[in-house]
């Protein structure tokens, strides 16, 4: 763990949360199959509305035939650093419920819950995950014959081990980001009480 990258929390939380962050300097060392399976098993057991489990993943390991097809779905900014990571995945969500094919307004929320489980398990196993919104959704649909009336590509991610020696390959801004301390808004900015935008007293830190 890089000094300063572990979250400086004001309240004690799970170590898997404090240690999780999104590097760009990845090693090409292959992720062990058991760790890969555990990460997606954790995602599988996420909660979802009506237990629909709308999350889907397209996964490629470096060396597999479809890796380049998936890599083609990243924007140019992410391609500059993501190429070293041994695991690349696209995250999709099913937009309708199986029940009467009704729209599922919670598909993105539930995919996020699945990713939360995956992140916790991957971090526990000493892996890093960097999620990316900089993708080309239409390439995912085209390259993998996805039915766009049923599924929507949301994000992509890489998974693997961090490699400090890869830092020199990153842009100056990305190198800086790799060592910057992590920051979050205060709880009082995120939680409202009787009026939206007004924090309840229990969230406000005493001076």
Protein backbone atom coordinates (compact mmCIF):
# COMPACT_ATOMS: atom_id res chain seq x y z
CA UNK A 1 0.00 0.00 0.00
CA UNK A 2 1.40 3.40 -0.99
CA UNK A 3 1.92 5.75 1.94
CA UNK A 4 -0.98 8.17 2.11
CA UNK A 5 -3.30 6.12 -0.11
CA UNK A 6 -5.08 4.30 2.71
CA UNK A 7 -8.21 6.27 3.55
CA UNK A 8 -7.91 8.44 6.66
CA UNK A 9 -11.38 7.78 8.02
CA UNK A 10 -12.93 9.57 10.99
CA UNK A 11 -14.77 6.42 12.04
CA UNK A 12 -13.57 2.84 12.08
CA UNK A 13 -14.65 0.95 8.94
CA UNK A 14 -13.71 -2.27 7.19
CA UNK A 15 -10.05 -2.37 6.12
CA UNK A 16 -11.11 -3.53 2.63
CA UNK A 17 -12.77 -0.13 2.19
CA UNK A 18 -9.87 1.93 3.51
CA UNK A 19 -7.37 0.13 1.28
CA UNK A 20 -9.39 0.21 -1.95
CA UNK A 21 -8.26 2.76 -4.52
CA UNK A 22 -7.88 2.98 -8.30
CA UNK A 23 -4.30 2.89 -9.58
CA UNK A 24 -3.22 3.13 -13.20
CA UNK A 25 0.19 1.47 -12.87
CA UNK A 26 -0.70 -2.21 -13.28
CA UNK A 27 1.53 -5.25 -13.47
CA UNK A 28 1.06 -7.76 -16.28
CA UNK A 29 1.21 -10.62 -13.75
CA UNK A 30 -1.76 -12.90 -14.33
CA UNK A 31 -4.54 -12.92 -11.74
CA UNK A 32 -4.96 -16.35 -10.18
CA UNK A 33 -8.12 -18.10 -11.36
CA UNK A 34 -9.38 -18.67 -7.81
CA UNK A 35 -9.09 -14.95 -7.00
CA UNK A 36 -10.86 -14.05 -10.23
CA UNK A 37 -13.67 -16.47 -9.44
CA UNK A 38 -13.99 -15.16 -5.89
CA UNK A 39 -14.31 -11.56 -7.12
CA UNK A 40 -17.19 -12.40 -9.45
CA UNK A 41 -18.76 -14.72 -6.89
CA UNK A 42 -18.89 -11.74 -4.51
CA UNK A 43 -20.62 -9.73 -7.24
CA UNK A 44 -23.07 -12.59 -7.81
CA UNK A 45 -24.33 -12.39 -4.24
CA UNK A 46 -25.17 -8.69 -4.29
CA UNK A 47 -28.77 -7.68 -3.44
CA UNK A 48 -31.06 -6.41 -6.19
CA UNK A 49 -34.64 -5.27 -6.74
CA UNK A 50 -36.94 -8.34 -7.01
CA UNK A 51 -33.72 -10.38 -6.99
CA UNK A 52 -33.45 -9.61 -10.71
CA UNK A 53 -29.63 -9.60 -10.66
CA UNK A 54 -29.43 -7.33 -13.73
CA UNK A 55 -25.62 -7.14 -13.81
CA UNK A 56 -23.67 -8.81 -16.60
CA UNK A 57 -19.92 -8.84 -17.25
CA UNK A 58 -17.87 -9.39 -20.40
CA UNK A 59 -14.43 -10.46 -19.18
CA UNK A 60 -11.16 -10.90 -21.05
CA UNK A 61 -7.77 -11.98 -19.75
CA UNK A 62 -4.67 -10.88 -21.59
CA UNK A 63 -3.78 -13.43 -24.22
CA UNK A 64 -7.38 -14.44 -24.91
CA UNK A 65 -8.66 -13.92 -28.43
CA UNK A 66 -11.38 -11.43 -27.49
CA UNK A 67 -9.13 -9.22 -25.32
CA UNK A 68 -8.43 -6.81 -28.19
CA UNK A 69 -12.12 -6.58 -29.04
CA UNK A 70 -12.81 -5.51 -25.47
CA UNK A 71 -9.82 -3.18 -25.34
CA UNK A 72 -11.26 -1.49 -28.45
CA UNK A 73 -14.19 -0.39 -26.28
CA UNK A 74 -12.05 1.94 -24.13
CA UNK A 75 -11.56 5.59 -25.00
CA UNK A 76 -8.07 6.74 -25.96
CA UNK A 77 -7.29 8.25 -22.56
CA UNK A 78 -7.81 4.94 -20.78
CA UNK A 79 -6.05 2.90 -23.46
CA UNK A 80 -2.83 4.78 -22.67
CA UNK A 81 -2.44 3.04 -19.32
CA UNK A 82 -4.95 0.16 -19.11
CA UNK A 83 -3.07 -2.07 -21.58
CA UNK A 84 -0.81 -3.54 -18.90
CA UNK A 85 -3.62 -4.88 -16.69
CA UNK A 86 -4.17 -8.64 -17.04
CA UNK A 87 -7.96 -8.54 -16.66
CA UNK A 88 -10.34 -6.26 -18.55
CA UNK A 89 -14.12 -6.28 -18.13
CA UNK A 90 -17.21 -4.47 -19.35
CA UNK A 91 -20.17 -3.98 -17.02
CA UNK A 92 -23.67 -4.10 -18.46
CA UNK A 93 -27.12 -3.91 -16.92
CA UNK A 94 -30.37 -5.53 -18.02
CA UNK A 95 -32.91 -2.72 -18.28
CA UNK A 96 -36.19 -4.65 -17.85
CA UNK A 97 -37.42 -7.10 -15.25
CA UNK A 98 -38.01 -10.69 -16.30
CA UNK A 99 -41.43 -10.27 -14.64
CA UNK A 100 -43.78 -9.01 -17.39
CA UNK A 101 -40.78 -7.33 -19.06
CA UNK A 102 -41.45 -4.17 -17.04
CA UNK A 103 -38.74 -1.43 -16.97
CA UNK A 104 -36.32 -1.79 -14.07
CA UNK A 105 -35.53 1.72 -12.86
CA UNK A 106 -32.95 0.27 -10.46
CA UNK A 107 -30.71 -1.57 -12.94
CA UNK A 108 -27.78 0.85 -12.58
CA UNK A 109 -28.10 0.94 -8.79
CA UNK A 110 -28.01 -2.83 -8.59
CA UNK A 111 -25.01 -3.12 -10.90
CA UNK A 112 -23.26 -0.71 -8.52
CA UNK A 113 -24.05 -2.99 -5.59
CA UNK A 114 -22.55 -5.94 -7.45
CA UNK A 115 -19.41 -3.94 -8.15
CA UNK A 116 -19.19 -2.99 -4.48
CA UNK A 117 -19.02 -6.66 -3.55
CA UNK A 118 -16.47 -7.35 -6.27
CA UNK A 119 -14.28 -4.48 -5.08
CA UNK A 120 -14.34 -5.65 -1.47
CA UNK A 121 -13.37 -9.21 -2.39
CA UNK A 122 -10.68 -8.15 -4.86
CA UNK A 123 -9.14 -5.82 -2.27
CA UNK A 124 -9.19 -8.60 0.34
CA UNK A 125 -7.23 -10.75 -2.10
CA UNK A 126 -4.58 -8.09 -2.68
CA UNK A 127 -5.90 -7.02 -6.09
CA UNK A 128 -6.65 -3.56 -7.44
CA UNK A 129 -9.59 -2.55 -9.62
CA UNK A 130 -9.84 0.66 -11.63
CA UNK A 131 -13.33 1.42 -12.90
CA UNK A 132 -13.72 3.51 -16.03
CA UNK A 133 -16.56 5.61 -17.40
CA UNK A 134 -14.42 6.52 -20.41
CA UNK A 135 -15.71 3.83 -22.74
CA UNK A 136 -17.32 3.47 -26.16
CA UNK A 137 -20.66 1.73 -25.43
CA UNK A 138 -21.54 1.21 -29.08
CA UNK A 139 -18.34 -0.81 -29.55
CA UNK A 140 -19.36 -3.13 -26.72
CA UNK A 141 -22.76 -3.66 -28.34
CA UNK A 142 -21.24 -4.24 -31.78
CA UNK A 143 -18.15 -6.27 -30.86
CA UNK A 144 -20.04 -8.71 -28.63
CA UNK A 145 -23.44 -8.90 -30.35
CA UNK A 146 -25.28 -7.43 -27.35
CA UNK A 147 -29.03 -6.83 -27.70
CA UNK A 148 -29.34 -3.09 -27.05
CA UNK A 149 -33.07 -3.47 -26.36
CA UNK A 150 -32.27 -5.56 -23.30
CA UNK A 151 -28.85 -4.47 -22.05
CA UNK A 152 -27.00 -1.19 -21.62
CA UNK A 153 -23.20 -0.94 -21.24
CA UNK A 154 -22.44 1.16 -18.17
CA UNK A 155 -18.71 1.06 -17.37
CA UNK A 156 -15.55 -1.00 -17.75
CA UNK A 157 -12.79 -1.94 -15.33
CA UNK A 158 -9.32 -3.44 -15.16
CA UNK A 159 -8.16 -5.76 -12.39
CA UNK A 160 -4.73 -6.90 -11.35
CA UNK A 161 -1.69 -6.19 -9.23
CA UNK A 162 -0.06 -2.79 -8.96
CA UNK A 163 3.44 -2.25 -10.35
CA UNK A 164 5.36 0.77 -9.05
CA UNK A 165 7.83 0.44 -11.93
CA UNK A 166 5.07 1.23 -14.44
CA UNK A 167 4.71 4.76 -13.05
CA UNK A 168 7.23 6.17 -15.51
CA UNK A 169 4.96 5.07 -18.36
CA UNK A 170 2.10 7.23 -17.10
CA UNK A 171 1.44 10.85 -17.99
CA UNK A 172 2.62 13.51 -15.55
CA UNK A 173 -0.92 14.08 -14.29
CA UNK A 174 -1.54 10.37 -13.82
CA UNK A 175 1.73 9.96 -11.93
CA UNK A 176 0.68 12.77 -9.63
CA UNK A 177 -2.72 11.17 -9.09
CA UNK A 178 -1.07 7.89 -8.18
CA UNK A 179 0.40 9.43 -5.02
CA UNK A 180 -2.18 12.03 -4.06
CA UNK A 181 -4.05 11.39 -0.79
CA UNK A 182 -7.64 10.25 -1.20
CA UNK A 183 -10.34 12.75 -0.25
CA UNK A 184 -14.07 12.55 0.39
CA UNK A 185 -16.83 15.02 1.29
CA UNK A 186 -17.80 15.25 4.94
CA UNK A 187 -20.74 13.17 6.16
CA UNK A 188 -22.55 16.42 6.94
CA UNK A 189 -22.52 17.23 3.22
CA UNK A 190 -23.99 13.88 2.26
CA UNK A 191 -26.66 13.19 4.87
CA UNK A 192 -29.81 15.26 5.39
CA UNK A 193 -32.26 15.25 8.27
CA UNK A 194 -35.59 17.05 8.52
CA UNK A 195 -34.79 19.33 5.55
CA UNK A 196 -32.90 18.26 2.46
CA UNK A 197 -29.46 19.84 2.45
CA UNK A 198 -29.44 20.34 6.23
CA UNK A 199 -27.28 17.86 8.10
CA UNK A 200 -28.60 16.14 11.24
CA UNK A 201 -26.69 17.06 14.38
CA UNK A 202 -25.13 13.60 14.77
CA UNK A 203 -23.15 14.03 11.53
CA UNK A 204 -21.52 17.32 12.47
CA UNK A 205 -18.01 17.08 13.90
CA UNK A 206 -17.47 18.93 17.16
CA UNK A 207 -14.75 21.61 17.09
